[in-house]
Amino acid sequence: MDAARELFIECGTNFTIDDLVARSGISRATVFRRFGTKESVIQRTFQREIRDGIVQIVTAAAERPTATERAVELITSLLLVAVRHPILRHLAGTTPPSLSLLGASGDPSPLTMVGQIMNDALLLASAEVGRPLPLPVDQTVDILIHTIAGYTYFPYGTLADTDEEHLRAAIERFVRRLLPDVDPSRS
């Protein structure tokens, strides 16, 4: 799967099984026995990449001391992945429909996983400050996911072009607007 990841970064979905065989050093028969089709190679590689990224993001967020800080870390990390991840960058720039399909495929899909994680983080942050979000949490998550997805397809602008510290500060201000009773001394 590492060879498939490398090809994905270089070529998006425009590689052949022969390219994968040459890169990985395994036989064509083994590739088909393990995956069945090129589409399966693509889907499983993408899902592994996203799953590994989600684990890293959740792990980093879990290290934050408060639910509000965990929500800020989660949103910041997701935005950074949207703007910087090499596979997402390549697919968004070369085959945007492939990226949309891959993001929505699987059980659960990457978008569903991210939505649930974000949903839980915002509910915990809301409970922490004792105030509901200004919109229902599912609508808030939907807006955030679509905003982050927009940065995947168009990774430009003041947030995308800033360093991580300033990005995190901007997202923290945004989350404070969502949760207006956040005590500044706790962040």
N, C-alpha and C. Protein backbone atom coordinates (compact mmCIF):
# COMPACT_ATOMS: atom_id res chain seq x y z
N MET A 1 0.82 -1.19 0.00
CA MET A 1 0.00 0.00 0.00
C MET A 1 0.87 1.27 0.00
N ASP A 2 2.10 1.15 0.47
CA ASP A 2 2.98 2.31 0.42
C ASP A 2 3.27 2.71 -1.02
N ALA A 3 3.45 1.72 -1.88
CA ALA A 3 3.70 2.01 -3.29
C ALA A 3 2.47 2.67 -3.91
N ALA A 4 1.29 2.21 -3.55
CA ALA A 4 0.06 2.81 -4.06
C ALA A 4 -0.05 4.25 -3.57
N ARG A 5 0.33 4.51 -2.32
CA ARG A 5 0.31 5.87 -1.79
C ARG A 5 1.24 6.78 -2.60
N GLU A 6 2.45 6.30 -2.87
CA GLU A 6 3.40 7.09 -3.65
C GLU A 6 2.84 7.42 -5.04
N LEU A 7 2.26 6.41 -5.68
CA LEU A 7 1.67 6.64 -7.01
C LEU A 7 0.50 7.60 -6.93
N PHE A 8 -0.30 7.47 -5.89
CA PHE A 8 -1.44 8.36 -5.66
C PHE A 8 -0.97 9.81 -5.59
N ILE A 9 0.10 10.03 -4.84
CA ILE A 9 0.64 11.39 -4.69
C ILE A 9 1.16 11.92 -6.03
N GLU A 10 1.84 11.08 -6.78
CA GLU A 10 2.41 11.49 -8.06
C GLU A 10 1.38 11.62 -9.18
N CYS A 11 0.43 10.68 -9.23
CA CYS A 11 -0.44 10.56 -10.40
C CYS A 11 -1.92 10.69 -10.11
N GLY A 12 -2.30 10.84 -8.85
CA GLY A 12 -3.72 10.78 -8.53
C GLY A 12 -4.22 9.39 -8.82
N THR A 13 -5.34 9.30 -9.49
CA THR A 13 -5.90 7.98 -9.84
C THR A 13 -5.41 7.51 -11.21
N ASN A 14 -4.53 8.27 -11.84
CA ASN A 14 -4.06 7.95 -13.20
C ASN A 14 -2.81 7.09 -13.19
N PHE A 15 -2.88 5.96 -12.50
CA PHE A 15 -1.79 4.99 -12.57
C PHE A 15 -2.40 3.64 -12.93
N THR A 16 -1.56 2.76 -13.39
CA THR A 16 -2.03 1.44 -13.78
C THR A 16 -1.58 0.40 -12.77
N ILE A 17 -2.17 -0.77 -12.87
CA ILE A 17 -1.72 -1.89 -12.03
C ILE A 17 -0.26 -2.21 -12.36
N ASP A 18 0.12 -2.08 -13.62
CA ASP A 18 1.51 -2.32 -13.99
C ASP A 18 2.44 -1.31 -13.32
N ASP A 19 2.00 -0.06 -13.19
CA ASP A 19 2.78 0.94 -12.46
C ASP A 19 2.96 0.51 -11.00
N LEU A 20 1.88 0.01 -10.41
CA LEU A 20 1.92 -0.43 -9.02
C LEU A 20 2.84 -1.64 -8.86
N VAL A 21 2.76 -2.59 -9.79
CA VAL A 21 3.63 -3.77 -9.76
C VAL A 21 5.09 -3.34 -9.84
N ALA A 22 5.40 -2.44 -10.78
CA ALA A 22 6.78 -1.97 -10.94
C ALA A 22 7.27 -1.25 -9.68
N ARG A 23 6.42 -0.43 -9.09
CA ARG A 23 6.82 0.34 -7.91
C ARG A 23 6.95 -0.55 -6.67
N SER A 24 6.05 -1.50 -6.51
CA SER A 24 6.02 -2.29 -5.27
C SER A 24 6.92 -3.52 -5.30
N GLY A 25 7.17 -4.02 -6.49
CA GLY A 25 7.96 -5.24 -6.59
C GLY A 25 7.17 -6.51 -6.34
N ILE A 26 5.87 -6.42 -6.17
CA ILE A 26 5.05 -7.61 -6.02
C ILE A 26 4.42 -7.96 -7.35
N SER A 27 3.96 -9.17 -7.47
CA SER A 27 3.45 -9.62 -8.77
C SER A 27 2.05 -9.06 -9.05
N ARG A 28 1.74 -9.03 -10.30
CA ARG A 28 0.41 -8.60 -10.76
C ARG A 28 -0.68 -9.49 -10.15
N ALA A 29 -0.41 -10.80 -10.11
CA ALA A 29 -1.37 -11.74 -9.53
C ALA A 29 -1.62 -11.43 -8.06
N THR A 30 -0.57 -11.09 -7.33
CA THR A 30 -0.72 -10.76 -5.91
C THR A 30 -1.56 -9.50 -5.74
N VAL A 31 -1.32 -8.50 -6.58
CA VAL A 31 -2.11 -7.27 -6.51
C VAL A 31 -3.59 -7.59 -6.70
N PHE A 32 -3.90 -8.37 -7.72
CA PHE A 32 -5.30 -8.70 -7.98
C PHE A 32 -5.88 -9.60 -6.89
N ARG A 33 -5.08 -10.49 -6.33
CA ARG A 33 -5.56 -11.36 -5.25
C ARG A 33 -5.88 -10.53 -4.00
N ARG A 34 -5.04 -9.57 -3.70
CA ARG A 34 -5.25 -8.74 -2.50
C ARG A 34 -6.35 -7.70 -2.68
N PHE A 35 -6.44 -7.13 -3.88
CA PHE A 35 -7.33 -5.99 -4.07
C PHE A 35 -8.47 -6.24 -5.05
N GLY A 36 -8.29 -7.10 -6.01
CA GLY A 36 -9.34 -7.37 -6.98
C GLY A 36 -9.33 -6.43 -8.17
N THR A 37 -9.38 -5.13 -7.91
CA THR A 37 -9.43 -4.14 -8.98
C THR A 37 -8.58 -2.93 -8.63
N LYS A 38 -8.28 -2.16 -9.64
CA LYS A 38 -7.55 -0.90 -9.42
C LYS A 38 -8.38 0.03 -8.54
N GLU A 39 -9.69 0.04 -8.75
CA GLU A 39 -10.57 0.90 -7.95
C GLU A 39 -10.48 0.53 -6.47
N SER A 40 -10.37 -0.75 -6.19
CA SER A 40 -10.22 -1.20 -4.81
C SER A 40 -8.89 -0.74 -4.22
N VAL A 41 -7.82 -0.79 -5.02
CA VAL A 41 -6.52 -0.28 -4.58
C VAL A 41 -6.64 1.19 -4.21
N ILE A 42 -7.28 1.95 -5.07
CA ILE A 42 -7.44 3.39 -4.85
C ILE A 42 -8.25 3.64 -3.59
N GLN A 43 -9.39 2.98 -3.49
CA GLN A 43 -10.27 3.21 -2.35
C GLN A 43 -9.60 2.81 -1.03
N ARG A 44 -8.98 1.65 -1.01
CA ARG A 44 -8.35 1.19 0.24
C ARG A 44 -7.15 2.06 0.62
N THR A 45 -6.38 2.49 -0.37
CA THR A 45 -5.25 3.38 -0.08
C THR A 45 -5.74 4.70 0.48
N PHE A 46 -6.76 5.27 -0.14
CA PHE A 46 -7.32 6.54 0.32
C PHE A 46 -7.89 6.38 1.73
N GLN A 47 -8.65 5.33 1.95
CA GLN A 47 -9.25 5.12 3.27
C GLN A 47 -8.18 4.93 4.34
N ARG A 48 -7.13 4.19 4.03
CA ARG A 48 -6.04 4.01 5.00
C ARG A 48 -5.39 5.35 5.31
N GLU A 49 -5.14 6.13 4.28
CA GLU A 49 -4.50 7.43 4.46
C GLU A 49 -5.36 8.34 5.33
N ILE A 50 -6.64 8.38 5.05
CA ILE A 50 -7.55 9.23 5.82
C ILE A 50 -7.69 8.70 7.25
N ARG A 51 -7.84 7.40 7.40
CA ARG A 51 -7.96 6.80 8.74
C ARG A 51 -6.73 7.12 9.58
N ASP A 52 -5.54 6.94 9.00
CA ASP A 52 -4.30 7.26 9.72
C ASP A 52 -4.25 8.74 10.10
N GLY A 53 -4.68 9.60 9.16
CA GLY A 53 -4.71 11.04 9.45
C GLY A 53 -5.68 11.38 10.57
N ILE A 54 -6.84 10.74 10.56
CA ILE A 54 -7.83 10.99 11.61
C ILE A 54 -7.29 10.55 12.97
N VAL A 55 -6.62 9.41 13.01
CA VAL A 55 -6.03 8.93 14.27
C VAL A 55 -5.02 9.96 14.79
N GLN A 56 -4.17 10.48 13.91
CA GLN A 56 -3.19 11.49 14.33
C GLN A 56 -3.87 12.75 14.84
N ILE A 57 -4.91 13.18 14.14
CA ILE A 57 -5.62 14.40 14.54
C ILE A 57 -6.30 14.22 15.89
N VAL A 58 -6.99 13.11 16.07
CA VAL A 58 -7.69 12.85 17.33
C VAL A 58 -6.69 12.70 18.47
N THR A 59 -5.56 12.05 18.21
CA THR A 59 -4.53 11.90 19.24
C THR A 59 -3.98 13.27 19.66
N ALA A 60 -3.70 14.12 18.69
CA ALA A 60 -3.20 15.46 19.01
C ALA A 60 -4.25 16.26 19.78
N ALA A 61 -5.50 16.16 19.37
CA ALA A 61 -6.57 16.89 20.06
C ALA A 61 -6.75 16.38 21.49
N ALA A 62 -6.62 15.07 21.69
CA ALA A 62 -6.82 14.48 23.02
C ALA A 62 -5.81 14.98 24.03
N GLU A 63 -4.68 15.47 23.56
CA GLU A 63 -3.65 15.98 24.47
C GLU A 63 -3.99 17.35 25.04
N ARG A 64 -4.97 18.01 24.48
CA ARG A 64 -5.37 19.34 24.97
C ARG A 64 -6.17 19.19 26.26
N PRO A 65 -6.00 20.13 27.20
CA PRO A 65 -6.60 19.95 28.52
C PRO A 65 -8.12 20.18 28.62
N THR A 66 -8.70 20.94 27.72
CA THR A 66 -10.13 21.21 27.82
C THR A 66 -10.84 20.79 26.54
N ALA A 67 -12.13 20.56 26.66
CA ALA A 67 -12.92 20.18 25.48
C ALA A 67 -12.90 21.28 24.43
N THR A 68 -12.91 22.52 24.86
CA THR A 68 -12.87 23.63 23.92
C THR A 68 -11.54 23.66 23.16
N GLU A 69 -10.46 23.46 23.88
CA GLU A 69 -9.15 23.42 23.22
C GLU A 69 -9.03 22.21 22.29
N ARG A 70 -9.67 21.10 22.66
CA ARG A 70 -9.66 19.92 21.78
C ARG A 70 -10.43 20.22 20.50
N ALA A 71 -11.55 20.94 20.62
CA ALA A 71 -12.32 21.31 19.42
C ALA A 71 -11.50 22.23 18.52
N VAL A 72 -10.80 23.19 19.10
CA VAL A 72 -9.94 24.10 18.33
C VAL A 72 -8.85 23.30 17.62
N GLU A 73 -8.22 22.40 18.34
CA GLU A 73 -7.15 21.58 17.74
C GLU A 73 -7.70 20.73 16.61
N LEU A 74 -8.84 20.14 16.81
CA LEU A 74 -9.46 19.29 15.79
C LEU A 74 -9.73 20.09 14.51
N ILE A 75 -10.37 21.23 14.65
CA ILE A 75 -10.72 22.05 13.48
C ILE A 75 -9.45 22.56 12.79
N THR A 76 -8.48 23.01 13.59
CA THR A 76 -7.21 23.48 13.02
C THR A 76 -6.52 22.38 12.24
N SER A 77 -6.42 21.21 12.84
CA SER A 77 -5.73 20.09 12.19
C SER A 77 -6.44 19.65 10.92
N LEU A 78 -7.76 19.62 10.95
CA LEU A 78 -8.51 19.24 9.75
C LEU A 78 -8.28 20.24 8.62
N LEU A 79 -8.26 21.52 8.96
CA LEU A 79 -8.01 22.54 7.94
C LEU A 79 -6.60 22.41 7.37
N LEU A 80 -5.63 22.15 8.24
CA LEU A 80 -4.25 21.97 7.77
C LEU A 80 -4.14 20.75 6.85
N VAL A 81 -4.81 19.68 7.19
CA VAL A 81 -4.80 18.50 6.32
C VAL A 81 -5.43 18.84 4.98
N ALA A 82 -6.54 19.55 5.00
CA ALA A 82 -7.23 19.92 3.76
C ALA A 82 -6.32 20.72 2.84
N VAL A 83 -5.51 21.57 3.41
CA VAL A 83 -4.66 22.46 2.62
C VAL A 83 -3.33 21.81 2.23
N ARG A 84 -2.81 20.90 3.07
CA ARG A 84 -1.44 20.43 2.87
C ARG A 84 -1.27 18.97 2.49
N HIS A 85 -2.26 18.14 2.69
CA HIS A 85 -2.06 16.70 2.45
C HIS A 85 -1.77 16.44 0.97
N PRO A 86 -0.68 15.73 0.66
CA PRO A 86 -0.29 15.58 -0.74
C PRO A 86 -1.31 14.83 -1.61
N ILE A 87 -1.96 13.82 -1.07
CA ILE A 87 -2.96 13.11 -1.88
C ILE A 87 -4.17 13.99 -2.12
N LEU A 88 -4.65 14.66 -1.08
CA LEU A 88 -5.79 15.56 -1.26
C LEU A 88 -5.45 16.67 -2.23
N ARG A 89 -4.25 17.23 -2.11
CA ARG A 89 -3.81 18.31 -3.00
C ARG A 89 -3.82 17.83 -4.45
N HIS A 90 -3.24 16.66 -4.67
CA HIS A 90 -3.14 16.16 -6.04
C HIS A 90 -4.53 15.87 -6.62
N LEU A 91 -5.36 15.17 -5.87
CA LEU A 91 -6.69 14.84 -6.38
C LEU A 91 -7.53 16.09 -6.60
N ALA A 92 -7.48 17.03 -5.69
CA ALA A 92 -8.27 18.26 -5.85
C ALA A 92 -7.83 19.03 -7.09
N GLY A 93 -6.53 18.98 -7.38
CA GLY A 93 -6.03 19.72 -8.53
C GLY A 93 -6.17 19.02 -9.86
N THR A 94 -6.28 17.68 -9.83
CA THR A 94 -6.31 16.96 -11.10
C THR A 94 -7.63 16.26 -11.39
N THR A 95 -8.22 15.66 -10.37
CA THR A 95 -9.48 14.91 -10.57
C THR A 95 -10.43 15.16 -9.41
N PRO A 96 -10.97 16.38 -9.30
CA PRO A 96 -11.86 16.69 -8.18
C PRO A 96 -13.02 15.72 -7.99
N PRO A 97 -13.64 15.20 -9.06
CA PRO A 97 -14.73 14.24 -8.82
C PRO A 97 -14.26 12.99 -8.08
N SER A 98 -13.02 12.55 -8.35
CA SER A 98 -12.48 11.39 -7.64
C SER A 98 -12.38 11.66 -6.15
N LEU A 99 -11.91 12.85 -5.80
CA LEU A 99 -11.79 13.21 -4.39
C LEU A 99 -13.15 13.21 -3.72
N SER A 100 -14.15 13.77 -4.37
CA SER A 100 -15.50 13.81 -3.79
C SER A 100 -16.04 12.40 -3.59
N LEU A 101 -15.86 11.55 -4.58
CA LEU A 101 -16.36 10.17 -4.48
C LEU A 101 -15.63 9.40 -3.39
N LEU A 102 -14.33 9.54 -3.32
CA LEU A 102 -13.56 8.83 -2.30
C LEU A 102 -13.92 9.32 -0.89
N GLY A 103 -14.15 10.60 -0.76
CA GLY A 103 -14.50 11.15 0.55
C GLY A 103 -15.85 10.67 1.05
N ALA A 104 -16.72 10.33 0.12
CA ALA A 104 -18.07 9.89 0.50
C ALA A 104 -18.23 8.37 0.45
N SER A 105 -17.18 7.63 0.07
CA SER A 105 -17.32 6.17 -0.05
C SER A 105 -16.76 5.47 1.18
N GLY A 106 -17.21 4.25 1.35
CA GLY A 106 -16.77 3.44 2.49
C GLY A 106 -17.82 3.44 3.58
N ASP A 107 -17.65 2.52 4.51
CA ASP A 107 -18.62 2.41 5.60
C ASP A 107 -17.87 2.26 6.91
N PRO A 108 -17.71 3.33 7.65
CA PRO A 108 -18.20 4.68 7.36
C PRO A 108 -17.26 5.41 6.40
N SER A 109 -17.80 6.38 5.72
CA SER A 109 -16.99 7.19 4.81
C SER A 109 -16.10 8.13 5.61
N PRO A 110 -15.02 8.60 5.01
CA PRO A 110 -14.18 9.59 5.70
C PRO A 110 -14.98 10.82 6.15
N LEU A 111 -15.89 11.28 5.31
CA LEU A 111 -16.70 12.45 5.71
C LEU A 111 -17.58 12.14 6.90
N THR A 112 -18.14 10.94 6.94
CA THR A 112 -18.97 10.54 8.09
C THR A 112 -18.12 10.47 9.36
N MET A 113 -16.92 9.87 9.25
CA MET A 113 -16.04 9.78 10.42
C MET A 113 -15.67 11.16 10.95
N VAL A 114 -15.26 12.04 10.05
CA VAL A 114 -14.87 13.39 10.47
C VAL A 114 -16.07 14.12 11.07
N GLY A 115 -17.22 13.97 10.45
CA GLY A 115 -18.43 14.62 10.97
C GLY A 115 -18.76 14.16 12.37
N GLN A 116 -18.67 12.86 12.63
CA GLN A 116 -18.97 12.35 13.96
C GLN A 116 -17.98 12.83 15.00
N ILE A 117 -16.70 12.83 14.64
CA ILE A 117 -15.67 13.30 15.56
C ILE A 117 -15.88 14.79 15.87
N MET A 118 -16.16 15.57 14.84
CA MET A 118 -16.40 17.00 15.04
C MET A 118 -17.67 17.22 15.87
N ASN A 119 -18.70 16.46 15.58
CA ASN A 119 -19.96 16.53 16.33
C ASN A 119 -19.69 16.31 17.82
N ASP A 120 -18.98 15.23 18.14
CA ASP A 120 -18.69 14.91 19.54
C ASP A 120 -17.86 16.00 20.20
N ALA A 121 -16.85 16.50 19.48
CA ALA A 121 -15.98 17.54 20.05
C ALA A 121 -16.77 18.82 20.35
N LEU A 122 -17.65 19.21 19.44
CA LEU A 122 -18.42 20.43 19.67
C LEU A 122 -19.46 20.25 20.78
N LEU A 123 -20.06 19.07 20.87
CA LEU A 123 -21.00 18.82 21.96
C LEU A 123 -20.29 18.86 23.31
N LEU A 124 -19.10 18.27 23.38
CA LEU A 124 -18.35 18.31 24.64
C LEU A 124 -17.93 19.73 24.99
N ALA A 125 -17.49 20.49 24.00
CA ALA A 125 -17.10 21.89 24.26
C ALA A 125 -18.32 22.70 24.70
N SER A 126 -19.45 22.48 24.08
CA SER A 126 -20.69 23.18 24.45
C SER A 126 -21.09 22.83 25.89
N ALA A 127 -20.99 21.56 26.25
CA ALA A 127 -21.32 21.14 27.62
C ALA A 127 -20.34 21.73 28.62
N GLU A 128 -19.07 21.83 28.21
CA GLU A 128 -18.04 22.37 29.09
C GLU A 128 -18.35 23.81 29.51
N VAL A 129 -18.85 24.61 28.56
CA VAL A 129 -19.14 26.02 28.88
C VAL A 129 -20.59 26.22 29.32
N GLY A 130 -21.38 25.15 29.24
CA GLY A 130 -22.76 25.24 29.72
C GLY A 130 -23.70 26.02 28.81
N ARG A 131 -23.37 26.08 27.54
CA ARG A 131 -24.22 26.79 26.59
C ARG A 131 -24.35 25.99 25.31
N PRO A 132 -25.52 26.03 24.71
CA PRO A 132 -25.68 25.35 23.43
C PRO A 132 -25.01 26.15 22.31
N LEU A 133 -24.73 25.46 21.24
CA LEU A 133 -24.23 26.14 20.05
C LEU A 133 -25.35 27.01 19.48
N PRO A 134 -25.01 28.05 18.73
CA PRO A 134 -26.05 28.92 18.17
C PRO A 134 -26.92 28.22 17.13
N LEU A 135 -26.40 27.19 16.50
CA LEU A 135 -27.15 26.35 15.55
C LEU A 135 -27.15 24.93 16.09
N PRO A 136 -28.08 24.10 15.65
CA PRO A 136 -27.98 22.68 16.03
C PRO A 136 -26.62 22.13 15.62
N VAL A 137 -26.09 21.21 16.41
CA VAL A 137 -24.73 20.72 16.18
C VAL A 137 -24.57 20.10 14.79
N ASP A 138 -25.59 19.42 14.28
CA ASP A 138 -25.44 18.81 12.95
C ASP A 138 -25.29 19.87 11.87
N GLN A 139 -25.98 21.00 12.02
CA GLN A 139 -25.84 22.09 11.06
C GLN A 139 -24.48 22.76 11.19
N THR A 140 -24.03 22.94 12.43
CA THR A 140 -22.71 23.54 12.66
C THR A 140 -21.62 22.68 12.04
N VAL A 141 -21.70 21.37 12.26
CA VAL A 141 -20.73 20.44 11.70
C VAL A 141 -20.79 20.47 10.17
N ASP A 142 -21.98 20.50 9.62
CA ASP A 142 -22.12 20.54 8.16
C ASP A 142 -21.44 21.77 7.57
N ILE A 143 -21.65 22.91 8.21
CA ILE A 143 -21.02 24.15 7.74
C ILE A 143 -19.49 24.04 7.84
N LEU A 144 -18.99 23.52 8.95
CA LEU A 144 -17.55 23.39 9.13
C LEU A 144 -16.94 22.42 8.12
N ILE A 145 -17.59 21.28 7.91
CA ILE A 145 -17.06 20.30 6.95
C ILE A 145 -17.03 20.89 5.55
N HIS A 146 -18.08 21.58 5.17
CA HIS A 146 -18.10 22.18 3.83
C HIS A 146 -17.06 23.30 3.70
N THR A 147 -16.84 24.03 4.76
CA THR A 147 -15.81 25.07 4.74
C THR A 147 -14.43 24.44 4.58
N ILE A 148 -14.15 23.41 5.38
CA ILE A 148 -12.87 22.73 5.29
C ILE A 148 -12.70 22.08 3.92
N ALA A 149 -13.76 21.46 3.42
CA ALA A 149 -13.70 20.85 2.09
C ALA A 149 -13.40 21.91 1.03
N GLY A 150 -13.94 23.09 1.20
CA GLY A 150 -13.66 24.18 0.26
C GLY A 150 -12.18 24.51 0.21
N TYR A 151 -11.51 24.45 1.35
CA TYR A 151 -10.06 24.69 1.38
C TYR A 151 -9.30 23.56 0.69
N THR A 152 -9.88 22.36 0.65
CA THR A 152 -9.24 21.26 -0.06
C THR A 152 -9.19 21.58 -1.55
N TYR A 153 -10.30 22.08 -2.06
CA TYR A 153 -10.38 22.38 -3.50
C TYR A 153 -9.74 23.72 -3.86
N PHE A 154 -9.76 24.66 -2.93
CA PHE A 154 -9.21 26.00 -3.16
C PHE A 154 -8.33 26.37 -1.98
N PRO A 155 -7.09 25.86 -1.92
CA PRO A 155 -6.23 26.04 -0.74
C PRO A 155 -5.54 27.39 -0.68
N TYR A 156 -6.29 28.43 -0.90
CA TYR A 156 -5.70 29.76 -0.94
C TYR A 156 -6.48 30.66 0.02
N GLY A 157 -5.91 31.79 0.30
CA GLY A 157 -6.60 32.75 1.15
C GLY A 157 -5.83 32.99 2.43
N THR A 158 -6.34 33.89 3.21
CA THR A 158 -5.61 34.33 4.39
C THR A 158 -5.40 33.21 5.40
N LEU A 159 -6.39 32.34 5.60
CA LEU A 159 -6.19 31.24 6.55
C LEU A 159 -5.23 30.20 6.02
N ALA A 160 -5.39 29.82 4.78
CA ALA A 160 -4.54 28.77 4.20
C ALA A 160 -3.09 29.21 4.07
N ASP A 161 -2.86 30.51 3.91
CA ASP A 161 -1.52 31.02 3.70
C ASP A 161 -0.80 31.42 4.99
N THR A 162 -1.41 31.21 6.12
CA THR A 162 -0.82 31.63 7.38
C THR A 162 -0.11 30.45 8.05
N ASP A 163 0.71 30.75 9.04
CA ASP A 163 1.39 29.68 9.77
C ASP A 163 0.42 29.05 10.77
N GLU A 164 0.81 27.91 11.32
CA GLU A 164 -0.08 27.15 12.19
C GLU A 164 -0.50 27.94 13.43
N GLU A 165 0.41 28.70 13.99
CA GLU A 165 0.09 29.45 15.21
C GLU A 165 -1.02 30.48 14.94
N HIS A 166 -0.92 31.20 13.85
CA HIS A 166 -1.93 32.20 13.53
C HIS A 166 -3.25 31.54 13.10
N LEU A 167 -3.14 30.43 12.41
CA LEU A 167 -4.33 29.69 12.03
C LEU A 167 -5.07 29.20 13.27
N ARG A 168 -4.34 28.63 14.21
CA ARG A 168 -4.95 28.14 15.45
C ARG A 168 -5.60 29.29 16.21
N ALA A 169 -4.96 30.45 16.24
CA ALA A 169 -5.53 31.61 16.93
C ALA A 169 -6.82 32.07 16.25
N ALA A 170 -6.84 32.05 14.92
CA ALA A 170 -8.06 32.44 14.19
C ALA A 170 -9.19 31.46 14.47
N ILE A 171 -8.87 30.19 14.49
CA ILE A 171 -9.91 29.18 14.74
C ILE A 171 -10.36 29.25 16.19
N GLU A 172 -9.46 29.55 17.09
CA GLU A 172 -9.86 29.72 18.49
C GLU A 172 -10.84 30.88 18.64
N ARG A 173 -10.58 31.98 17.95
CA ARG A 173 -11.53 33.11 17.98
C ARG A 173 -12.89 32.69 17.41
N PHE A 174 -12.86 31.90 16.34
CA PHE A 174 -14.09 31.41 15.74
C PHE A 174 -14.86 30.52 16.72
N VAL A 175 -14.16 29.58 17.36
CA VAL A 175 -14.82 28.69 18.32
C VAL A 175 -15.37 29.49 19.50
N ARG A 176 -14.66 30.51 19.92
CA ARG A 176 -15.17 31.35 21.02
C ARG A 176 -16.47 32.05 20.62
N ARG A 177 -16.60 32.38 19.35
CA ARG A 177 -17.87 32.96 18.87
C ARG A 177 -18.99 31.92 18.91
N LEU A 178 -18.63 30.66 18.62
CA LEU A 178 -19.62 29.59 18.72
C LEU A 178 -20.01 29.32 20.17
N LEU A 179 -19.04 29.46 21.06
CA LEU A 179 -19.23 29.17 22.48
C LEU A 179 -18.90 30.43 23.27
N PRO A 180 -19.79 31.42 23.27
CA PRO A 180 -19.43 32.75 23.78
C PRO A 180 -19.06 32.84 25.24
N ASP A 181 -19.34 31.84 26.02
CA ASP A 181 -18.99 31.93 27.44
C ASP A 181 -17.66 31.29 27.78
N VAL A 182 -16.84 31.02 26.77
CA VAL A 182 -15.53 30.43 27.04
C VAL A 182 -14.69 31.45 27.81
N ASP A 183 -14.16 31.01 28.92
CA ASP A 183 -13.32 31.87 29.75
C ASP A 183 -11.94 31.97 29.09
N PRO A 184 -11.51 33.19 28.69
CA PRO A 184 -10.24 33.34 28.00
C PRO A 184 -9.05 32.79 28.80
N SER A 185 -9.13 32.76 30.12
CA SER A 185 -8.01 32.26 30.92
C SER A 185 -7.88 30.74 30.81
N ARG A 186 -8.92 30.06 30.29
CA ARG A 186 -8.87 28.60 30.15
C ARG A 186 -8.30 28.19 28.82
N SER A 187 -8.07 29.11 27.91
CA SER A 187 -7.57 28.74 26.57
C SER A 187 -6.13 29.07 26.40
